[in-house]
PDB file of all heavy atoms in Angstrom:
ATOM      1  N   GLY A   1      42.878  -3.333 -10.112  1.00  0.00           N
ATOM      2  CA  GLY A   1      44.241  -3.849 -10.102  1.00  0.00           C
ATOM      3  C   GLY A   1      44.836  -3.945 -11.495  1.00  0.00           C
ATOM      4  O   GLY A   1      44.114  -3.954 -12.498  1.00  0.00           O
ATOM      5  N   SER A   2      46.143  -4.041 -11.552  1.00  0.00           N
ATOM      6  CA  SER A   2      46.857  -4.107 -12.833  1.00  0.00           C
ATOM      7  C   SER A   2      46.379  -5.263 -13.710  1.00  0.00           C
ATOM      8  O   SER A   2      46.301  -5.145 -14.926  1.00  0.00           O
ATOM      9  CB  SER A   2      48.358  -4.261 -12.591  1.00  0.00           C
ATOM     10  OG  SER A   2      48.876  -3.110 -11.967  1.00  0.00           O
ATOM     11  N   GLY A   3      46.077  -6.403 -13.068  1.00  0.00           N
ATOM     12  CA  GLY A   3      45.651  -7.574 -13.817  1.00  0.00           C
ATOM     13  C   GLY A   3      44.337  -7.349 -14.546  1.00  0.00           C
ATOM     14  O   GLY A   3      44.041  -8.009 -15.547  1.00  0.00           O
ATOM     15  N   GLU A   4      43.542  -6.402 -14.047  1.00  0.00           N
ATOM     16  CA  GLU A   4      42.239  -6.109 -14.651  1.00  0.00           C
ATOM     17  C   GLU A   4      42.297  -4.906 -15.581  1.00  0.00           C
ATOM     18  O   GLU A   4      41.295  -4.544 -16.181  1.00  0.00           O
ATOM     19  CB  GLU A   4      41.185  -5.848 -13.552  1.00  0.00           C
ATOM     20  CG  GLU A   4      40.709  -7.109 -12.838  1.00  0.00           C
ATOM     21  CD  GLU A   4      41.832  -7.801 -12.071  1.00  0.00           C
ATOM     22  OE1 GLU A   4      42.500  -7.152 -11.238  1.00  0.00           O
ATOM     23  OE2 GLU A   4      42.062  -8.994 -12.326  1.00  0.00           O
ATOM     24  N   CYS A   5      43.462  -4.262 -15.693  1.00  0.00           N
ATOM     25  CA  CYS A   5      43.577  -3.036 -16.495  1.00  0.00           C
ATOM     26  C   CYS A   5      43.185  -3.273 -17.952  1.00  0.00           C
ATOM     27  O   CYS A   5      42.629  -2.388 -18.609  1.00  0.00           O
ATOM     28  CB  CYS A   5      45.008  -2.496 -16.405  1.00  0.00           C
ATOM     29  SG  CYS A   5      45.303  -0.981 -17.328  1.00  0.00           S
ATOM     30  N   ASN A   6      43.479  -4.475 -18.457  1.00  0.00           N
ATOM     31  CA  ASN A   6      43.100  -4.768 -19.842  1.00  0.00           C
ATOM     32  C   ASN A   6      41.926  -5.747 -19.922  1.00  0.00           C
ATOM     33  O   ASN A   6      41.650  -6.327 -20.970  1.00  0.00           O
ATOM     34  CB  ASN A   6      44.305  -5.282 -20.646  1.00  0.00           C
ATOM     35  CG  ASN A   6      44.893  -6.552 -20.041  1.00  0.00           C
ATOM     36  OD1 ASN A   6      44.296  -7.148 -19.143  1.00  0.00           O
ATOM     37  ND2 ASN A   6      46.049  -6.973 -20.530  1.00  0.00           N
ATOM     38  N   ASN A   7      41.230  -5.901 -18.794  1.00  0.00           N
ATOM     39  CA  ASN A   7      40.022  -6.731 -18.760  1.00  0.00           C
ATOM     40  C   ASN A   7      38.851  -5.808 -19.095  1.00  0.00           C
ATOM     41  O   ASN A   7      38.094  -5.378 -18.224  1.00  0.00           O
ATOM     42  CB  ASN A   7      39.878  -7.368 -17.375  1.00  0.00           C
ATOM     43  CG  ASN A   7      38.671  -8.292 -17.266  1.00  0.00           C
ATOM     44  OD1 ASN A   7      37.775  -8.264 -18.114  1.00  0.00           O
ATOM     45  ND2 ASN A   7      38.637  -9.090 -16.217  1.00  0.00           N
ATOM     46  N   TYR A   8      38.749  -5.470 -20.381  1.00  0.00           N
ATOM     47  CA  TYR A   8      37.809  -4.425 -20.800  1.00  0.00           C
ATOM     48  C   TYR A   8      36.344  -4.756 -20.502  1.00  0.00           C
ATOM     49  O   TYR A   8      35.590  -3.853 -20.123  1.00  0.00           O
ATOM     50  CB  TYR A   8      38.039  -4.057 -22.273  1.00  0.00           C
ATOM     51  CG  TYR A   8      39.490  -3.691 -22.549  1.00  0.00           C
ATOM     52  CD1 TYR A   8      40.259  -4.410 -23.447  1.00  0.00           C
ATOM     53  CD2 TYR A   8      40.101  -2.637 -21.857  1.00  0.00           C
ATOM     54  CE1 TYR A   8      41.602  -4.089 -23.662  1.00  0.00           C
ATOM     55  CE2 TYR A   8      41.439  -2.313 -22.067  1.00  0.00           C
ATOM     56  CZ  TYR A   8      42.182  -3.043 -22.972  1.00  0.00           C
ATOM     57  OH  TYR A   8      43.502  -2.726 -23.170  1.00  0.00           O
ATOM     58  N   PRO A   9      35.906  -6.030 -20.592  1.00  0.00           N
ATOM     59  CA  PRO A   9      34.518  -6.319 -20.218  1.00  0.00           C
ATOM     60  C   PRO A   9      34.229  -5.950 -18.749  1.00  0.00           C
ATOM     61  O   PRO A   9      33.177  -5.386 -18.436  1.00  0.00           O
ATOM     62  CB  PRO A   9      34.387  -7.826 -20.441  1.00  0.00           C
ATOM     63  CG  PRO A   9      35.466  -8.166 -21.435  1.00  0.00           C
ATOM     64  CD  PRO A   9      36.593  -7.197 -21.154  1.00  0.00           C
ATOM     65  N   LEU A  10      35.188  -6.263 -17.861  1.00  0.00           N
ATOM     66  CA  LEU A  10      34.995  -5.929 -16.442  1.00  0.00           C
ATOM     67  C   LEU A  10      35.036  -4.409 -16.239  1.00  0.00           C
ATOM     68  O   LEU A  10      34.224  -3.854 -15.477  1.00  0.00           O
ATOM     69  CB  LEU A  10      36.059  -6.621 -15.573  1.00  0.00           C
ATOM     70  CG  LEU A  10      35.931  -6.379 -14.062  1.00  0.00           C
ATOM     71  CD1 LEU A  10      34.574  -6.856 -13.534  1.00  0.00           C
ATOM     72  CD2 LEU A  10      37.054  -7.067 -13.291  1.00  0.00           C
ATOM     73  N   LEU A  11      35.952  -3.722 -16.929  1.00  0.00           N
ATOM     74  CA  LEU A  11      36.034  -2.256 -16.803  1.00  0.00           C
ATOM     75  C   LEU A  11      34.724  -1.613 -17.257  1.00  0.00           C
ATOM     76  O   LEU A  11      34.224  -0.674 -16.634  1.00  0.00           O
ATOM     77  CB  LEU A  11      37.204  -1.694 -17.622  1.00  0.00           C
ATOM     78  CG  LEU A  11      38.612  -2.203 -17.283  1.00  0.00           C
ATOM     79  CD1 LEU A  11      39.669  -1.383 -18.015  1.00  0.00           C
ATOM     80  CD2 LEU A  11      38.873  -2.199 -15.786  1.00  0.00           C
ATOM     81  N   GLU A  12      34.189  -2.126 -18.347  1.00  0.00           N
ATOM     82  CA  GLU A  12      32.915  -1.634 -18.885  1.00  0.00           C
ATOM     83  C   GLU A  12      31.817  -1.788 -17.828  1.00  0.00           C
ATOM     84  O   GLU A  12      31.013  -0.884 -17.588  1.00  0.00           O
ATOM     85  CB  GLU A  12      32.575  -2.460 -20.139  1.00  0.00           C
ATOM     86  CG  GLU A  12      31.464  -1.915 -20.994  1.00  0.00           C
ATOM     87  CD  GLU A  12      31.879  -0.740 -21.861  1.00  0.00           C
ATOM     88  OE1 GLU A  12      32.893  -0.826 -22.585  1.00  0.00           O
ATOM     89  OE2 GLU A  12      31.170   0.280 -21.789  1.00  0.00           O
ATOM     90  N   HIS A  13      31.808  -2.945 -17.186  1.00  0.00           N
ATOM     91  CA  HIS A  13      30.818  -3.242 -16.145  1.00  0.00           C
ATOM     92  C   HIS A  13      30.942  -2.254 -14.970  1.00  0.00           C
ATOM     93  O   HIS A  13      29.950  -1.692 -14.500  1.00  0.00           O
ATOM     94  CB  HIS A  13      31.017  -4.683 -15.657  1.00  0.00           C
ATOM     95  CG  HIS A  13      29.972  -5.142 -14.691  1.00  0.00           C
ATOM     96  ND1 HIS A  13      28.675  -5.443 -15.067  1.00  0.00           N
ATOM     97  CD2 HIS A  13      30.022  -5.338 -13.344  1.00  0.00           C
ATOM     98  CE1 HIS A  13      27.980  -5.805 -13.997  1.00  0.00           C
ATOM     99  NE2 HIS A  13      28.783  -5.752 -12.943  1.00  0.00           N
ATOM    100  N   ILE A  14      32.186  -2.012 -14.536  1.00  0.00           N
ATOM    101  CA  ILE A  14      32.426  -1.115 -13.394  1.00  0.00           C
ATOM    102  C   ILE A  14      32.128   0.338 -13.778  1.00  0.00           C
ATOM    103  O   ILE A  14      31.582   1.103 -12.973  1.00  0.00           O
ATOM    104  CB  ILE A  14      33.880  -1.282 -12.892  1.00  0.00           C
ATOM    105  CG1 ILE A  14      34.060  -2.667 -12.265  1.00  0.00           C
ATOM    106  CG2 ILE A  14      34.237  -0.190 -11.869  1.00  0.00           C
ATOM    107  CD1 ILE A  14      35.505  -3.054 -11.998  1.00  0.00           C
ATOM    108  N   ALA A  15      32.461   0.706 -15.003  1.00  0.00           N
ATOM    109  CA  ALA A  15      32.246   2.090 -15.457  1.00  0.00           C
ATOM    110  C   ALA A  15      30.768   2.472 -15.394  1.00  0.00           C
ATOM    111  O   ALA A  15      30.426   3.633 -15.151  1.00  0.00           O
ATOM    112  CB  ALA A  15      32.783   2.277 -16.870  1.00  0.00           C
ATOM    113  N   GLN A  16      29.896   1.495 -15.591  1.00  0.00           N
ATOM    114  CA  GLN A  16      28.457   1.767 -15.575  1.00  0.00           C
ATOM    115  C   GLN A  16      27.968   2.241 -14.211  1.00  0.00           C
ATOM    116  O   GLN A  16      26.911   2.858 -14.105  1.00  0.00           O
ATOM    117  CB  GLN A  16      27.673   0.509 -16.001  1.00  0.00           C
ATOM    118  CG  GLN A  16      27.825   0.218 -17.482  1.00  0.00           C
ATOM    119  CD  GLN A  16      27.384  -1.186 -17.854  1.00  0.00           C
ATOM    120  OE1 GLN A  16      26.719  -1.868 -17.077  1.00  0.00           O
ATOM    121  NE2 GLN A  16      27.761  -1.622 -19.048  1.00  0.00           N
ATOM    122  N   PHE A  17      28.742   1.963 -13.164  1.00  0.00           N
ATOM    123  CA  PHE A  17      28.336   2.409 -11.822  1.00  0.00           C
ATOM    124  C   PHE A  17      28.520   3.921 -11.651  1.00  0.00           C
ATOM    125  O   PHE A  17      27.974   4.528 -10.730  1.00  0.00           O
ATOM    126  CB  PHE A  17      29.128   1.673 -10.728  1.00  0.00           C
ATOM    127  CG  PHE A  17      28.968   0.179 -10.750  1.00  0.00           C
ATOM    128  CD1 PHE A  17      30.045  -0.648 -10.454  1.00  0.00           C
ATOM    129  CD2 PHE A  17      27.747  -0.419 -11.058  1.00  0.00           C
ATOM    130  CE1 PHE A  17      29.914  -2.042 -10.454  1.00  0.00           C
ATOM    131  CE2 PHE A  17      27.603  -1.813 -11.067  1.00  0.00           C
ATOM    132  CZ  PHE A  17      28.693  -2.618 -10.765  1.00  0.00           C
ATOM    133  N   GLY A  18      29.370   4.522 -12.493  1.00  0.00           N
ATOM    134  CA  GLY A  18      29.558   5.973 -12.436  1.00  0.00           C
ATOM    135  C   GLY A  18      30.381   6.486 -11.265  1.00  0.00           C
ATOM    136  O   GLY A  18      30.404   7.680 -10.988  1.00  0.00           O
ATOM    137  N   LYS A  19      31.097   5.588 -10.580  1.00  0.00           N
ATOM    138  CA  LYS A  19      31.899   5.996  -9.417  1.00  0.00           C
ATOM    139  C   LYS A  19      33.332   6.280  -9.864  1.00  0.00           C
ATOM    140  O   LYS A  19      33.808   5.683 -10.830  1.00  0.00           O
ATOM    141  CB  LYS A  19      31.915   4.870  -8.368  1.00  0.00           C
ATOM    142  CG  LYS A  19      30.524   4.388  -7.925  1.00  0.00           C
ATOM    143  CD  LYS A  19      30.078   5.082  -6.651  1.00  0.00           C
ATOM    144  CE  LYS A  19      28.708   4.602  -6.192  1.00  0.00           C
ATOM    145  NZ  LYS A  19      28.768   3.262  -5.567  1.00  0.00           N
ATOM    146  N   PRO A  20      34.060   7.143  -9.123  1.00  0.00           N
ATOM    147  CA  PRO A  20      35.472   7.387  -9.469  1.00  0.00           C
ATOM    148  C   PRO A  20      36.278   6.087  -9.419  1.00  0.00           C
ATOM    149  O   PRO A  20      35.973   5.196  -8.617  1.00  0.00           O
ATOM    150  CB  PRO A  20      35.956   8.358  -8.392  1.00  0.00           C
ATOM    151  CG  PRO A  20      34.736   8.898  -7.747  1.00  0.00           C
ATOM    152  CD  PRO A  20      33.639   7.902  -7.944  1.00  0.00           C
ATOM    153  N   VAL A  21      37.295   6.022 -10.259  1.00  0.00           N
ATOM    154  CA  VAL A  21      38.112   4.812 -10.369  1.00  0.00           C
ATOM    155  C   VAL A  21      39.588   5.179 -10.222  1.00  0.00           C
ATOM    156  O   VAL A  21      40.052   6.185 -10.756  1.00  0.00           O
ATOM    157  CB  VAL A  21      37.860   4.143 -11.743  1.00  0.00           C
ATOM    158  CG1 VAL A  21      38.983   3.168 -12.094  1.00  0.00           C
ATOM    159  CG2 VAL A  21      36.507   3.442 -11.751  1.00  0.00           C
ATOM    160  N   ILE A  22      40.310   4.351  -9.465  1.00  0.00           N
ATOM    161  CA  ILE A  22      41.774   4.449  -9.402  1.00  0.00           C
ATOM    162  C   ILE A  22      42.288   3.183 -10.081  1.00  0.00           C
ATOM    163  O   ILE A  22      42.016   2.071  -9.616  1.00  0.00           O
ATOM    164  CB  ILE A  22      42.271   4.548  -7.948  1.00  0.00           C
ATOM    165  CG1 ILE A  22      41.722   5.814  -7.280  1.00  0.00           C
ATOM    166  CG2 ILE A  22      43.800   4.551  -7.908  1.00  0.00           C
ATOM    167  CD1 ILE A  22      41.946   5.872  -5.768  1.00  0.00           C
ATOM    168  N   LEU A  23      42.990   3.367 -11.193  1.00  0.00           N
ATOM    169  CA  LEU A  23      43.373   2.246 -12.047  1.00  0.00           C
ATOM    170  C   LEU A  23      44.877   1.994 -11.994  1.00  0.00           C
ATOM    171  O   LEU A  23      45.673   2.857 -12.353  1.00  0.00           O
ATOM    172  CB  LEU A  23      42.948   2.565 -13.488  1.00  0.00           C
ATOM    173  CG  LEU A  23      43.313   1.564 -14.585  1.00  0.00           C
ATOM    174  CD1 LEU A  23      42.552   0.247 -14.402  1.00  0.00           C
ATOM    175  CD2 LEU A  23      43.012   2.154 -15.970  1.00  0.00           C
ATOM    176  N   SER A  24      45.259   0.805 -11.548  1.00  0.00           N
ATOM    177  CA  SER A  24      46.669   0.412 -11.620  1.00  0.00           C
ATOM    178  C   SER A  24      46.964  -0.094 -13.023  1.00  0.00           C
ATOM    179  O   SER A  24      46.139  -0.768 -13.636  1.00  0.00           O
ATOM    180  CB  SER A  24      46.984  -0.674 -10.590  1.00  0.00           C
ATOM    181  OG  SER A  24      47.294  -0.096  -9.341  1.00  0.00           O
TER     182      SER A  24
END
């Protein structure tokens, strides 16, 4: 979600899963 777009610690955590992401 848009609110998490600049939540870089959370993005880093999700990126580690290696799954495609749709980013608002």
